[in-house]
N, C-alpha and C. Protein backbone atom coordinates (compact mmCIF):
# COMPACT_ATOMS: atom_id res chain seq x y z
N MET A 1 3.43 -14.64 -35.51
CA MET A 1 4.28 -13.69 -36.04
C MET A 1 4.14 -12.33 -36.16
N VAL A 2 3.27 -12.32 -36.71
CA VAL A 2 2.51 -11.04 -36.42
C VAL A 2 2.18 -9.94 -35.54
N ASP A 3 1.09 -11.38 -34.64
CA ASP A 3 1.10 -10.23 -33.33
C ASP A 3 2.48 -10.16 -32.76
N ILE A 4 3.47 -10.61 -32.53
CA ILE A 4 4.53 -10.57 -31.83
C ILE A 4 5.34 -9.34 -32.26
N PHE A 5 5.39 -8.68 -33.58
CA PHE A 5 6.11 -7.56 -34.32
C PHE A 5 4.79 -6.76 -33.48
N GLN A 6 3.66 -6.65 -33.88
CA GLN A 6 2.83 -5.66 -33.49
C GLN A 6 2.81 -5.65 -31.93
N GLU A 7 2.84 -6.54 -30.80
CA GLU A 7 3.12 -6.29 -29.53
C GLU A 7 4.72 -5.79 -29.30
N VAL A 8 5.56 -5.88 -29.70
CA VAL A 8 7.01 -4.77 -29.67
C VAL A 8 7.05 -3.77 -30.27
N GLU A 9 5.97 -3.66 -31.15
CA GLU A 9 5.99 -2.25 -31.56
C GLU A 9 4.92 -1.40 -30.30
N GLU A 10 4.02 -1.91 -30.08
CA GLU A 10 3.24 -1.30 -28.74
C GLU A 10 4.00 -0.97 -27.49
N ASP A 11 5.03 -2.08 -27.37
CA ASP A 11 5.71 -1.58 -25.96
C ASP A 11 6.67 -0.41 -26.27
N LEU A 12 7.29 -0.32 -27.81
CA LEU A 12 8.00 0.66 -28.49
C LEU A 12 7.43 2.22 -28.01
N LYS A 13 6.44 2.29 -28.75
CA LYS A 13 5.22 3.11 -28.46
C LYS A 13 5.18 3.59 -26.95
N ARG A 14 5.01 2.57 -26.36
CA ARG A 14 4.32 2.77 -25.09
C ARG A 14 5.51 3.68 -23.81
N GLU A 15 6.85 2.71 -24.49
CA GLU A 15 8.10 3.24 -23.67
C GLU A 15 8.58 4.80 -23.94
N ARG A 16 8.48 4.93 -25.65
CA ARG A 16 8.71 6.30 -25.70
C ARG A 16 7.64 7.42 -25.18
N SER A 17 6.53 7.00 -25.22
CA SER A 17 5.02 7.92 -24.27
C SER A 17 6.15 8.39 -23.17
N GLU A 18 6.16 7.08 -22.54
CA GLU A 18 6.48 7.21 -21.33
C GLU A 18 8.28 8.18 -20.81
N ALA A 19 8.61 7.92 -21.98
CA ALA A 19 9.92 8.97 -21.64
C ALA A 19 9.78 10.63 -22.25
N LEU A 20 8.45 10.38 -22.77
CA LEU A 20 8.49 11.74 -23.35
C LEU A 20 7.59 12.57 -22.32
N TRP A 21 6.81 11.57 -21.72
CA TRP A 21 6.17 12.53 -20.47
C TRP A 21 6.72 12.64 -19.41
N ARG A 22 7.95 11.80 -19.10
CA ARG A 22 9.04 12.06 -17.98
C ARG A 22 9.74 13.49 -18.47
N LYS A 23 9.84 13.26 -19.36
CA LYS A 23 11.24 14.72 -19.76
C LYS A 23 10.31 16.04 -20.03
N TYR A 24 9.15 16.07 -21.09
CA TYR A 24 8.39 17.43 -20.94
C TYR A 24 7.38 17.37 -20.19
N GLY A 25 6.39 16.50 -19.55
CA GLY A 25 5.63 16.89 -18.65
C GLY A 25 6.01 17.35 -17.88
N LYS A 26 6.99 17.46 -16.82
CA LYS A 26 7.57 17.93 -15.73
C LYS A 26 7.07 19.94 -16.32
N TYR A 27 7.37 19.94 -17.13
CA TYR A 27 7.22 21.41 -17.65
C TYR A 27 6.05 22.04 -17.26
N VAL A 28 5.03 21.38 -18.24
CA VAL A 28 3.89 21.84 -17.86
C VAL A 28 3.18 21.88 -16.51
N ILE A 29 3.94 20.85 -15.83
CA ILE A 29 3.23 20.63 -14.36
C ILE A 29 4.06 21.59 -13.51
N GLY A 30 5.27 22.06 -13.98
CA GLY A 30 5.50 23.09 -13.59
C GLY A 30 5.29 24.54 -13.35
N VAL A 31 4.25 24.47 -14.19
CA VAL A 31 3.65 25.84 -14.20
C VAL A 31 2.21 26.00 -13.12
N ALA A 32 2.23 24.81 -12.55
CA ALA A 32 0.93 24.68 -11.73
C ALA A 32 1.31 25.48 -10.77
N ALA A 33 1.67 25.20 -10.05
CA ALA A 33 1.69 26.81 -8.56
C ALA A 33 1.72 28.22 -9.21
N VAL A 34 2.18 28.17 -10.38
CA VAL A 34 2.75 29.29 -10.60
C VAL A 34 1.30 30.31 -11.38
N ILE A 35 0.32 29.20 -12.03
CA ILE A 35 -0.41 29.50 -12.18
C ILE A 35 -1.67 30.06 -11.22
N VAL A 36 -1.53 28.94 -10.24
CA VAL A 36 -2.27 29.35 -9.03
C VAL A 36 -2.38 30.53 -8.18
N LEU A 37 -0.79 30.63 -8.10
CA LEU A 37 -0.59 32.05 -6.90
C LEU A 37 -0.90 33.34 -8.15
N GLY A 38 -0.47 33.67 -9.31
CA GLY A 38 -0.85 34.23 -10.17
C GLY A 38 -2.17 34.85 -10.32
N VAL A 39 -3.19 33.77 -10.39
CA VAL A 39 -4.64 33.89 -10.51
C VAL A 39 -5.52 34.50 -9.34
N ALA A 40 -4.74 33.57 -8.12
CA ALA A 40 -5.09 33.70 -6.98
C ALA A 40 -4.93 35.25 -6.75
N GLY A 41 -3.67 35.89 -7.12
CA GLY A 41 -3.28 36.95 -6.41
C GLY A 41 -3.95 38.00 -7.32
N ARG A 42 -4.15 37.68 -8.44
CA ARG A 42 -4.92 38.87 -9.48
C ARG A 42 -6.33 38.85 -9.40
N GLU A 43 -6.89 37.89 -9.55
CA GLU A 43 -8.28 37.56 -8.87
C GLU A 43 -9.14 38.15 -7.95
N GLY A 44 -8.05 37.62 -6.91
CA GLY A 44 -8.25 38.29 -5.28
C GLY A 44 -8.43 39.57 -4.98
N TRP A 45 -7.17 40.33 -5.34
CA TRP A 45 -7.38 42.01 -5.69
C TRP A 45 -8.34 42.66 -6.17
N LYS A 46 -9.00 41.91 -7.37
CA LYS A 46 -10.19 42.61 -8.09
C LYS A 46 -11.46 41.83 -7.29
N THR A 47 -11.31 40.96 -6.41
CA THR A 47 -12.49 40.50 -5.90
C THR A 47 -12.82 41.63 -4.82
N TYR A 48 -11.01 41.93 -4.01
CA TYR A 48 -11.17 42.61 -2.46
C TYR A 48 -11.59 43.98 -3.10
N GLU A 49 -11.25 44.60 -4.62
CA GLU A 49 -11.74 45.73 -4.80
C GLU A 49 -13.47 46.19 -5.11
N HIS A 50 -13.71 45.08 -5.46
CA HIS A 50 -15.28 45.03 -6.11
C HIS A 50 -16.16 44.34 -4.75
N SER A 51 -15.97 43.68 -3.77
CA SER A 51 -16.43 43.21 -3.09
C SER A 51 -16.82 44.15 -1.49
N THR A 52 -17.57 43.80 -1.14
CA THR A 52 -18.69 45.00 -0.34
C THR A 52 -17.97 43.84 0.95
N SER A 53 -17.05 43.06 1.18
CA SER A 53 -16.74 42.41 2.22
C SER A 53 -15.02 42.70 2.45
N ILE A 54 -14.81 43.85 2.88
CA ILE A 54 -13.45 44.35 2.86
C ILE A 54 -12.65 43.28 3.78
N GLU A 55 -13.44 42.73 5.00
CA GLU A 55 -12.78 42.06 6.06
C GLU A 55 -12.10 41.03 5.11
N ASN A 56 -13.00 40.24 4.34
CA ASN A 56 -12.19 38.98 3.87
C ASN A 56 -11.51 39.50 2.75
N GLY A 57 -11.38 40.35 2.30
CA GLY A 57 -10.20 40.42 1.51
C GLY A 57 -8.77 40.35 2.60
N THR A 58 -8.87 41.17 3.28
CA THR A 58 -7.77 41.61 4.29
C THR A 58 -7.96 40.56 4.86
N ARG A 59 -8.52 39.48 5.52
CA ARG A 59 -8.30 38.32 5.78
C ARG A 59 -7.34 37.34 4.85
N LEU A 60 -8.05 37.41 3.29
CA LEU A 60 -6.76 36.88 2.34
C LEU A 60 -5.41 37.16 2.42
N ALA A 61 -5.78 38.32 2.56
CA ALA A 61 -4.32 39.17 2.08
C ALA A 61 -3.37 38.42 3.28
N ASN A 62 -3.76 38.43 4.41
CA ASN A 62 -3.06 38.16 5.68
C ASN A 62 -2.77 36.94 5.63
N ALA A 63 -3.63 36.11 5.05
CA ALA A 63 -3.28 34.56 4.58
C ALA A 63 -2.09 34.11 3.72
N ILE A 64 -2.76 35.06 3.16
CA ILE A 64 -0.89 34.82 1.83
C ILE A 64 0.28 35.16 2.11
N ASP A 65 0.03 36.12 2.86
CA ASP A 65 1.23 37.01 3.38
C ASP A 65 1.66 35.43 4.35
N LEU A 66 1.04 34.86 5.41
CA LEU A 66 1.60 33.61 6.05
C LEU A 66 2.01 32.35 5.28
N THR A 67 1.43 32.00 4.16
CA THR A 67 2.08 31.08 3.10
C THR A 67 3.02 31.47 2.61
N GLN A 68 3.90 32.87 2.86
CA GLN A 68 5.01 33.20 2.18
C GLN A 68 6.09 33.49 3.15
N SER A 69 5.25 33.00 4.25
CA SER A 69 6.78 33.72 5.77
C SER A 69 7.43 32.36 5.93
N GLY A 70 7.40 31.31 5.42
CA GLY A 70 8.12 30.29 5.81
C GLY A 70 7.68 28.84 6.35
N GLU A 71 8.31 28.09 6.39
CA GLU A 71 7.64 26.81 6.91
C GLU A 71 6.89 26.52 7.89
N ASN A 72 7.34 27.22 8.82
CA ASN A 72 6.85 27.10 10.14
C ASN A 72 5.51 27.80 10.44
N ASN A 73 5.09 28.60 9.34
CA ASN A 73 3.89 29.55 9.29
C ASN A 73 2.54 28.80 8.62
N GLN A 74 3.26 27.82 8.24
CA GLN A 74 1.95 27.00 6.86
C GLN A 74 0.92 26.29 7.64
N ASP A 75 1.10 25.57 8.59
CA ASP A 75 0.16 25.43 9.29
C ASP A 75 -0.98 26.08 9.72
N ALA A 76 -0.48 27.37 10.69
CA ALA A 76 -1.11 28.81 10.60
C ALA A 76 -1.95 29.57 9.50
N ALA A 77 -1.12 29.33 8.12
CA ALA A 77 -1.80 29.68 6.89
C ALA A 77 -2.86 29.12 6.59
N LEU A 78 -2.86 27.79 6.93
CA LEU A 78 -3.77 26.47 6.52
C LEU A 78 -5.28 26.95 7.28
N ALA A 79 -4.86 27.47 8.37
CA ALA A 79 -5.98 27.34 9.40
C ALA A 79 -7.04 28.46 9.16
N ALA A 80 -5.93 29.89 8.74
CA ALA A 80 -6.91 31.10 8.16
C ALA A 80 -7.12 30.58 7.18
N LEU A 81 -6.83 29.99 6.11
CA LEU A 81 -7.51 29.79 4.75
C LEU A 81 -8.82 28.88 4.79
N ASP A 82 -8.52 27.79 5.65
CA ASP A 82 -9.95 27.48 6.14
C ASP A 82 -11.25 28.34 6.81
N SER A 83 -10.68 29.09 7.55
CA SER A 83 -11.53 30.17 8.24
C SER A 83 -12.13 30.94 6.62
N ILE A 84 -11.68 31.34 6.30
CA ILE A 84 -11.98 31.95 4.89
C ILE A 84 -12.94 31.19 4.18
N ILE A 85 -12.60 30.04 3.62
CA ILE A 85 -13.43 29.26 2.86
C ILE A 85 -14.63 28.48 3.63
N ALA A 86 -14.83 28.70 4.87
CA ALA A 86 -15.74 28.54 5.91
C ALA A 86 -16.51 29.28 5.92
N ASP A 87 -16.22 30.78 5.89
CA ASP A 87 -17.06 32.25 6.15
C ASP A 87 -17.06 32.90 4.81
N GLY A 88 -16.12 33.02 3.66
CA GLY A 88 -16.31 33.66 2.73
C GLY A 88 -17.40 33.72 1.57
N ASN A 89 -17.62 34.80 0.93
CA ASN A 89 -18.45 34.52 -0.23
C ASN A 89 -17.88 33.50 -1.15
N ALA A 90 -18.55 32.91 -2.23
CA ALA A 90 -18.12 31.98 -3.50
C ALA A 90 -16.83 32.09 -3.80
N ASP A 91 -16.35 33.70 -4.42
CA ASP A 91 -15.11 33.80 -4.73
C ASP A 91 -13.85 33.77 -3.66
N PHE A 92 -14.13 33.87 -2.35
CA PHE A 92 -13.06 34.02 -1.69
C PHE A 92 -13.27 32.43 -1.17
N VAL A 93 -14.11 31.98 -1.42
CA VAL A 93 -14.24 30.18 -1.11
C VAL A 93 -12.95 29.67 -2.53
N ALA A 94 -13.14 30.00 -3.52
CA ALA A 94 -12.33 29.82 -4.29
C ALA A 94 -10.80 30.08 -4.52
N LEU A 95 -10.45 30.91 -4.06
CA LEU A 95 -9.69 31.61 -3.66
C LEU A 95 -8.63 31.17 -2.49
N GLY A 96 -9.46 30.76 -1.79
CA GLY A 96 -9.05 30.23 -0.21
C GLY A 96 -8.59 28.78 -0.66
N HIS A 97 -9.23 27.77 -1.30
CA HIS A 97 -8.78 26.43 -1.93
C HIS A 97 -7.77 26.51 -2.54
N PHE A 98 -7.55 27.46 -3.81
CA PHE A 98 -6.33 27.98 -4.73
C PHE A 98 -5.25 28.36 -3.58
N GLN A 99 -5.07 28.74 -2.85
CA GLN A 99 -4.15 29.35 -2.25
C GLN A 99 -3.65 27.71 -0.99
N LYS A 100 -4.53 26.77 -0.61
CA LYS A 100 -4.23 26.07 0.21
C LYS A 100 -3.03 24.62 -0.81
N ALA A 101 -4.28 24.52 -2.10
CA ALA A 101 -3.43 23.68 -3.24
C ALA A 101 -1.59 24.41 -3.47
N ALA A 102 -1.84 25.66 -3.35
CA ALA A 102 -0.41 25.89 -3.64
C ALA A 102 0.46 25.67 -2.22
N VAL A 103 0.13 25.73 -1.28
CA VAL A 103 0.66 25.35 0.09
C VAL A 103 1.22 23.98 0.04
N TYR A 104 -0.12 23.22 -0.77
CA TYR A 104 0.16 21.45 -0.69
C TYR A 104 1.28 21.04 -1.80
N LEU A 105 1.21 22.01 -2.51
CA LEU A 105 2.28 21.53 -3.96
C LEU A 105 3.69 22.05 -3.89
N ARG A 106 3.25 22.95 -2.98
CA ARG A 106 5.23 23.34 -2.39
C ARG A 106 5.49 22.06 -1.58
N ALA A 107 4.95 21.69 -0.58
CA ALA A 107 5.00 20.92 0.38
C ALA A 107 5.56 19.44 -0.17
N GLY A 108 4.83 19.17 -1.50
CA GLY A 108 5.03 17.59 -1.68
C GLY A 108 4.06 17.26 -1.59
N VAL A 109 2.70 17.74 -1.04
CA VAL A 109 1.62 16.69 -0.89
C VAL A 109 0.63 17.23 -1.73
N LYS A 110 0.65 16.04 -2.71
CA LYS A 110 -0.11 15.97 -4.33
C LYS A 110 -1.41 16.02 -3.66
N GLU A 111 -1.81 14.89 -3.11
CA GLU A 111 -3.03 14.53 -2.94
C GLU A 111 -3.88 15.72 -2.09
N SER A 112 -3.70 16.01 -1.63
CA SER A 112 -4.36 16.99 -0.53
C SER A 112 -4.51 18.14 -1.24
N ALA A 113 -3.27 18.95 -2.31
CA ALA A 113 -3.72 19.50 -3.14
C ALA A 113 -4.84 19.38 -4.31
N VAL A 114 -4.83 18.38 -4.77
CA VAL A 114 -5.42 17.86 -5.84
C VAL A 114 -7.05 18.18 -4.84
N ALA A 115 -7.39 17.47 -3.80
CA ALA A 115 -8.57 17.57 -3.23
C ALA A 115 -9.15 18.86 -3.21
N GLU A 116 -8.04 20.00 -2.97
CA GLU A 116 -8.28 21.26 -2.37
C GLU A 116 -9.14 22.05 -4.24
N LEU A 117 -8.20 21.35 -4.91
CA LEU A 117 -8.77 21.70 -6.63
C LEU A 117 -9.83 20.98 -6.78
N GLU A 118 -10.46 20.19 -6.28
CA GLU A 118 -11.53 19.39 -6.79
C GLU A 118 -13.12 19.60 -6.07
N ALA A 119 -12.82 20.45 -4.89
CA ALA A 119 -13.48 21.14 -4.29
C ALA A 119 -13.86 22.29 -4.66
N VAL A 120 -13.23 23.08 -5.53
CA VAL A 120 -13.46 24.44 -6.49
C VAL A 120 -13.83 23.72 -7.69
N ALA A 121 -13.59 22.77 -8.35
CA ALA A 121 -14.20 22.29 -9.41
C ALA A 121 -15.61 21.94 -9.45
N GLY A 122 -15.93 21.04 -8.27
CA GLY A 122 -17.08 20.39 -8.06
C GLY A 122 -18.10 21.45 -7.68
N ASN A 123 -17.74 22.63 -7.38
CA ASN A 123 -18.62 23.85 -6.27
C ASN A 123 -19.55 24.52 -7.50
N GLY A 124 -20.78 24.01 -7.56
CA GLY A 124 -21.78 24.86 -9.11
C GLY A 124 -21.61 26.33 -8.45
N GLY A 125 -21.36 26.89 -7.21
CA GLY A 125 -21.55 28.21 -6.62
C GLY A 125 -20.60 28.83 -7.05
N ILE A 126 -19.17 28.37 -7.49
CA ILE A 126 -17.90 29.24 -7.75
C ILE A 126 -18.12 29.39 -9.35
N ASP A 127 -17.63 30.53 -9.57
CA ASP A 127 -17.52 31.17 -11.11
C ASP A 127 -16.68 30.14 -11.94
N GLN A 128 -17.51 29.79 -12.94
CA GLN A 128 -17.12 29.61 -14.02
C GLN A 128 -15.07 28.86 -14.02
N VAL A 129 -14.88 30.33 -14.28
CA VAL A 129 -13.61 30.51 -14.93
C VAL A 129 -12.55 29.90 -13.28
N TYR A 130 -12.55 29.99 -12.46
CA TYR A 130 -12.52 29.55 -11.45
C TYR A 130 -12.53 27.72 -11.32
N ARG A 131 -13.94 27.26 -11.52
CA ARG A 131 -13.93 25.88 -11.81
C ARG A 131 -13.25 25.38 -12.73
N ASP A 132 -13.04 26.16 -14.13
CA ASP A 132 -12.41 25.35 -15.17
C ASP A 132 -10.58 25.79 -14.95
N LEU A 133 -10.02 26.87 -14.13
CA LEU A 133 -9.06 26.62 -14.11
C LEU A 133 -8.37 25.54 -12.98
N ALA A 134 -9.68 25.19 -12.16
CA ALA A 134 -8.88 23.63 -11.01
C ALA A 134 -9.03 22.65 -12.01
N VAL A 135 -9.82 22.83 -12.78
CA VAL A 135 -9.67 21.38 -13.99
C VAL A 135 -8.38 21.31 -14.57
N VAL A 136 -8.12 22.78 -14.98
CA VAL A 136 -6.36 22.58 -15.22
C VAL A 136 -5.63 22.67 -14.87
N GLU A 137 -5.48 22.31 -13.32
CA GLU A 137 -4.38 22.53 -12.25
C GLU A 137 -4.59 20.46 -11.71
N ILE A 138 -5.75 20.24 -11.85
CA ILE A 138 -6.36 19.04 -11.35
C ILE A 138 -5.27 18.37 -12.53
N ALA A 139 -5.51 18.50 -14.06
CA ALA A 139 -5.09 17.52 -14.88
C ALA A 139 -3.20 17.89 -14.88
N MET A 140 -3.02 18.77 -14.94
CA MET A 140 -1.55 19.42 -14.56
C MET A 140 -0.70 18.49 -13.13
N ASN A 141 -1.35 18.23 -12.51
CA ASN A 141 -1.25 17.71 -11.07
C ASN A 141 -1.23 16.32 -10.66
N ASN A 142 -2.28 15.79 -11.52
CA ASN A 142 -2.92 14.45 -11.20
C ASN A 142 -2.60 13.36 -12.64
N ALA A 143 -2.05 13.62 -13.46
CA ALA A 143 -2.18 13.21 -14.49
C ALA A 143 -1.07 11.64 -14.29
N THR A 144 -1.82 10.79 -14.97
CA THR A 144 -1.32 9.57 -14.65
C THR A 144 -1.57 8.50 -16.12
N GLN A 145 -0.76 7.66 -16.65
CA GLN A 145 -1.15 6.81 -17.90
C GLN A 145 -2.96 6.32 -18.10
N SER A 146 -3.20 6.00 -16.74
CA SER A 146 -4.25 5.70 -16.59
C SER A 146 -5.53 6.13 -16.08
N ASN A 147 -5.41 7.28 -15.57
CA ASN A 147 -6.42 8.17 -16.05
C ASN A 147 -6.28 9.43 -17.15
N ALA A 148 -5.60 9.44 -17.79
CA ALA A 148 -5.69 10.49 -19.04
C ALA A 148 -6.27 10.82 -19.68
N MET A 149 -7.02 9.75 -20.61
CA MET A 149 -8.33 9.41 -21.22
C MET A 149 -9.73 10.55 -20.53
N ASP A 150 -9.59 10.09 -18.90
CA ASP A 150 -11.06 10.84 -18.49
C ASP A 150 -10.40 12.30 -18.08
N LEU A 151 -9.07 12.67 -17.88
CA LEU A 151 -8.76 13.98 -17.80
C LEU A 151 -8.63 14.73 -18.87
N ILE A 152 -8.75 14.16 -20.33
CA ILE A 152 -8.48 15.02 -21.38
C ILE A 152 -10.22 15.25 -21.40
N ALA A 153 -11.07 14.03 -21.49
CA ALA A 153 -12.77 14.37 -21.19
C ALA A 153 -13.16 15.88 -20.33
N ARG A 154 -12.28 15.69 -19.80
CA ARG A 154 -12.61 17.43 -18.67
C ARG A 154 -12.54 18.07 -19.14
N LEU A 155 -11.00 18.04 -19.94
CA LEU A 155 -10.39 19.32 -20.41
C LEU A 155 -11.13 19.67 -21.83
N GLU A 156 -11.62 18.96 -22.52
CA GLU A 156 -12.02 19.16 -23.74
C GLU A 156 -12.97 20.68 -23.61
N PRO A 157 -14.03 20.70 -23.00
CA PRO A 157 -15.32 21.54 -23.12
C PRO A 157 -14.34 23.13 -22.67
N ILE A 158 -13.05 23.04 -22.05
CA ILE A 158 -11.76 24.05 -21.75
C ILE A 158 -11.46 24.44 -22.80
N ALA A 159 -11.08 23.62 -23.77
CA ALA A 159 -10.01 23.75 -25.01
C ALA A 159 -10.72 24.75 -25.91
N VAL A 160 -11.50 25.71 -25.69
CA VAL A 160 -12.05 26.44 -26.50
C VAL A 160 -11.88 27.76 -26.75
N PRO A 161 -11.85 28.58 -27.92
CA PRO A 161 -11.01 29.55 -27.59
C PRO A 161 -11.52 30.78 -26.47
N GLU A 162 -12.77 30.92 -26.79
CA GLU A 162 -13.21 31.87 -25.61
C GLU A 162 -12.89 31.46 -24.10
N ASN A 163 -12.62 30.83 -23.71
CA ASN A 163 -12.16 29.91 -22.60
C ASN A 163 -10.66 30.89 -22.13
N ALA A 164 -10.93 31.26 -20.99
CA ALA A 164 -9.34 31.97 -20.35
C ALA A 164 -8.32 30.74 -20.43
N TRP A 165 -8.96 29.65 -20.34
CA TRP A 165 -7.65 28.85 -20.17
C TRP A 165 -7.42 28.03 -21.39
N TYR A 166 -8.00 28.57 -22.41
CA TYR A 166 -8.07 27.61 -23.71
C TYR A 166 -6.50 27.19 -23.90
N TYR A 167 -5.54 27.99 -24.19
CA TYR A 167 -4.09 27.59 -24.04
C TYR A 167 -3.61 26.30 -23.41
N SER A 168 -3.80 26.87 -22.29
CA SER A 168 -3.02 25.44 -21.00
C SER A 168 -3.95 24.20 -21.11
N ALA A 169 -5.32 24.50 -21.27
CA ALA A 169 -6.13 23.28 -21.77
C ALA A 169 -5.55 22.29 -22.72
N ARG A 170 -5.57 23.15 -23.78
CA ARG A 170 -5.32 22.66 -25.22
C ARG A 170 -3.61 21.72 -25.06
N GLU A 171 -2.58 22.11 -24.35
CA GLU A 171 -1.45 21.59 -24.23
C GLU A 171 -1.36 20.88 -23.71
N MET A 172 -2.27 20.67 -22.31
CA MET A 172 -2.35 19.72 -21.28
C MET A 172 -2.86 18.36 -22.00
N ILE A 173 -4.03 18.89 -23.04
CA ILE A 173 -4.40 17.69 -23.67
C ILE A 173 -3.24 16.72 -24.68
N ALA A 174 -2.63 17.79 -24.88
CA ALA A 174 -1.57 17.00 -25.82
C ALA A 174 -0.88 16.43 -25.05
N MET A 175 -0.13 16.68 -23.88
CA MET A 175 0.48 15.99 -23.32
C MET A 175 -0.15 14.97 -22.39
N LEU A 176 -1.09 14.36 -22.31
CA LEU A 176 -2.01 13.75 -22.00
C LEU A 176 -2.32 12.62 -22.82
N HIS A 177 -2.29 13.01 -24.08
CA HIS A 177 -2.10 12.24 -25.27
C HIS A 177 -1.09 11.16 -25.13
N VAL A 178 0.26 12.21 -25.42
CA VAL A 178 1.55 11.78 -24.84
C VAL A 178 1.66 10.28 -23.71
N ALA A 179 0.72 10.82 -22.74
CA ALA A 179 1.05 10.18 -21.19
C ALA A 179 0.23 8.93 -21.80
N ALA A 180 -0.85 8.64 -22.34
CA ALA A 180 -1.25 7.84 -22.61
C ALA A 180 -0.90 6.66 -24.01
N GLY A 181 0.43 7.30 -24.70
CA GLY A 181 0.93 6.38 -25.55
C GLY A 181 0.12 6.77 -26.66
N GLU A 182 -0.58 7.49 -27.16
CA GLU A 182 -1.49 8.02 -28.03
C GLU A 182 -0.55 9.11 -28.68
N ILE A 183 0.39 8.71 -29.74
CA ILE A 183 1.36 9.89 -30.45
C ILE A 183 0.72 10.43 -31.27
N ASP A 184 0.08 9.54 -32.05
CA ASP A 184 -0.78 10.14 -33.30
C ASP A 184 -1.76 11.11 -32.99
N ALA A 185 -2.40 11.28 -31.86
CA ALA A 185 -3.39 12.27 -31.73
C ALA A 185 -2.81 13.11 -30.93
N ALA A 186 -1.51 13.09 -30.54
CA ALA A 186 -1.04 14.32 -29.96
C ALA A 186 -0.17 14.93 -30.95
N LYS A 187 -0.43 14.59 -32.14
CA LYS A 187 0.84 15.20 -33.04
C LYS A 187 -0.26 16.78 -33.51
N PRO A 188 -1.56 16.24 -33.76
CA PRO A 188 -1.79 17.66 -34.63
C PRO A 188 -1.91 18.34 -33.75
N LEU A 189 -2.31 18.26 -32.20
CA LEU A 189 -2.84 19.38 -31.23
C LEU A 189 -1.40 20.05 -31.02
N LEU A 190 -0.06 19.23 -30.76
CA LEU A 190 1.02 20.13 -30.91
C LEU A 190 1.32 20.67 -31.86
N THR A 191 0.88 20.37 -33.36
CA THR A 191 1.37 20.96 -34.54
C THR A 191 0.49 22.73 -34.42
N GLU A 192 -0.55 22.53 -34.28
CA GLU A 192 -1.49 23.69 -33.50
C GLU A 192 -1.02 24.40 -32.90
N ILE A 193 -0.24 24.25 -32.10
CA ILE A 193 0.12 24.78 -30.73
C ILE A 193 1.28 25.48 -31.05
N ALA A 194 2.51 24.76 -31.83
CA ALA A 194 3.54 25.34 -32.57
C ALA A 194 3.54 26.22 -33.45
N ASP A 195 2.12 25.79 -34.49
CA ASP A 195 2.49 27.17 -35.64
C ASP A 195 1.20 28.26 -35.23
N ASP A 196 0.79 28.37 -33.73
CA ASP A 196 -0.30 29.46 -33.47
C ASP A 196 0.33 30.39 -32.83
N ASN A 197 0.72 31.84 -33.44
CA ASN A 197 1.15 32.84 -33.12
C ASN A 197 0.73 33.61 -31.90
N GLU A 198 -0.51 33.30 -31.79
CA GLU A 198 -0.81 33.84 -30.45
C GLU A 198 -0.69 32.82 -29.19
N ALA A 199 -0.11 31.68 -28.95
CA ALA A 199 -0.07 30.72 -27.94
C ALA A 199 1.01 31.39 -27.30
N PRO A 200 1.37 31.12 -26.27
CA PRO A 200 2.88 31.74 -25.43
C PRO A 200 3.67 31.07 -25.84
N SER A 201 4.91 31.79 -26.15
CA SER A 201 6.41 31.71 -27.10
C SER A 201 6.45 30.10 -25.70
N GLY A 202 6.64 29.98 -24.76
CA GLY A 202 7.49 28.62 -24.09
C GLY A 202 6.57 27.56 -24.56
N MET A 203 4.97 27.73 -25.01
CA MET A 203 4.39 26.75 -25.37
C MET A 203 4.80 26.27 -26.58
N ARG A 204 4.92 27.06 -27.21
CA ARG A 204 4.72 26.86 -28.80
C ARG A 204 6.36 26.32 -28.55
N SER A 205 7.63 26.47 -27.91
CA SER A 205 8.57 25.90 -27.84
C SER A 205 8.98 24.70 -27.72
N ARG A 206 7.78 24.66 -26.49
CA ARG A 206 7.86 23.07 -25.78
C ARG A 206 6.87 22.12 -26.80
N ALA A 207 6.54 22.49 -27.75
CA ALA A 207 5.31 21.76 -28.93
C ALA A 207 6.57 21.47 -29.91
N SER A 208 7.12 22.08 -30.22
CA SER A 208 8.12 22.20 -31.26
C SER A 208 9.06 21.49 -30.83
N GLU A 209 9.45 21.39 -29.81
CA GLU A 209 10.60 20.10 -28.95
C GLU A 209 10.37 19.01 -29.12
N ILE A 210 8.81 18.70 -28.59
CA ILE A 210 8.38 17.31 -28.62
C ILE A 210 7.71 17.09 -30.06
N LEU A 211 7.55 17.65 -30.84
CA LEU A 211 7.05 17.13 -32.01
C LEU A 211 8.67 16.44 -32.88
N LYS A 212 9.67 17.58 -32.52
CA LYS A 212 11.23 16.98 -32.83
C LYS A 212 11.39 15.59 -32.87
N ALA A 213 10.77 15.23 -31.18
CA ALA A 213 11.25 14.54 -30.33
C ALA A 213 10.50 13.23 -31.17
N ILE A 214 9.39 13.56 -31.89
CA ILE A 214 8.07 12.40 -31.93
C ILE A 214 8.65 11.78 -33.52
N GLY A 215 9.59 12.69 -34.12
CA GLY A 215 9.46 12.60 -35.91
C GLY A 215 8.35 13.02 -36.33
N ALA A 216 8.15 13.90 -36.16
CA ALA A 216 6.83 14.43 -36.72
C ALA A 216 7.41 15.75 -37.60
């Protein structure tokens, strides 16, 4: 009889976790394209300013213009980005992949977007800040209950205060614990985020809402 009650309790916990992920996961995932575009724009301009290859900077700017000029130009934009990836230096290779990922995300082609991000994450010749961002983006866009723990393992080295993506990685780890049904593991992380005055305000608000939802 005890086993039956334990099974029911586990089912209820799993259902609650899935409901929480459906409700709040979309807000975390929703920032994915914004991060990609924002970082690609900011870091791309820094690269443009400091790189000796002004041509690559111009090509990237033109490709970005194409990505933002309507659905009919997306194939041309992807081709332009492929050319930059093939010919550019490591920074431009990363930015090209990020921009392609953003195009695919807008089109709802998640698998292709994740493939572009994995190309950055797995490239040892690319600056670590880009590679870490790619891992965060992969988790944001490819999280499931079955791969949650693997993604957490990839995010943990990024979720340290000295990392540029510390807050995003920490929030994503908490949400992945929720997705995996590990509510007890998520609670302390969410509490830390909610109480961290240095964390982005939207992130703190989400953490507080989720804590209320799980009765913490």
